[in-house]
Amino acid sequence: MTNWTEILISLLPLFIFIALLIFIRTIFKKAQAANKAIYDDKHNEMIGTLKEIRDELKELNKNNSQKM
């Protein structure tokens, strides 16, 4: 019985290291998801601004063509 306990005790640092790696990986995945959400928000905001500019240019072009 002591042999099994000695083996498990000797493997304990390995188990702790693996658990730490899994924990760090989880943190990085959450950070990556947060960064993607921020990027998507900024991207959608930029698309909205570009659509507004497009609409204004269409209106200006329409007004300009009516004057001619």
Foldseek 3Di string as FASTA:
>chain_A
DVVVVVVVVVCVVVVVVVVVVVVVVVVVVVVVVVVVVVVVVVVVVVVVVVVVVVVVVVVVVVVVVVVD
